[in-house]
Amino acid sequence: MSQRKTLLSAICGVLLAVGGAPAFAHVPYFEHVDFSEERPFRVRDSIEQSIAVYSWIRFDDLTPATDVDVYQFEIEEPAEVYIESLVPVCSGYEDFLPWFALVGPGLPEPLEIMPFDIPDGYGAIVVPNSEPGEPRDTFFEPFGGKYYYDGPVFQEVIVTPGTYFVVYWDPNELGGDYVAVLGNQEIWAPKDIVRALVYTPKIRHDLELHIACE
């Protein structure tokens, strides 16, 4: 596909998003630097706005993937928190199954052992993925022109004000590319449309991925 056609597709996709088509709901972001505990991705607008952060749990051929990605947001009044984990359908990602946890004040103490420290006075809700080898449903996402594995979803109204974190990791230590979906409301400011016009052609050319997707 030529760059002109790709740009035209991106513009059409964004226009459909503004018009309310559910397949084009997420404002795209890339993980240009590692979203660590020291340098988390900060949600600048409402946590209810639907964004898709194209990220990856780092790995190489010599060491296991113990990378932990952290996202941070604030709650000042009751808000519906929606979190999802998606993995592109690529050869080598069949058993890449990232988990995530919502960490914040007023949440229960987790029963699971997690690869990060929880701040004093905080709790966590852990959302596991499927087990390796289990069948996984897939769907086509036309905004980026890719198939994805369905992943776990968390959706709940959170009422306690404070700073919250969403943490993604891979307990199987395989690592790979994934999409952190935060929020489920289609809210598009002019800056979001510009962002989508910049990033959508890159996604359609697989420039967010760290492997050759087959």
Foldseek 3Di string as FASTA:
>chain_A
DDPVVLLVLLLVLLVVLVVPDQLSFALEAECPDAQAPVHAAEDPDDLQRKHKYWYKQDDDPPDFRFRKHKYKYWDDFKDKKKKFKKDFQFPPCQQFWKKKKKKDAPDDADPDDDPDDHDPRMHIDIWGWDHRPDDWDWDARSLQGTIITGTTMDIDIDGDTDMMMMMMDGPVRHMFIMMIIGHRDRDDDPVSSVSSSVCSSCSNVVVSGPDDGD
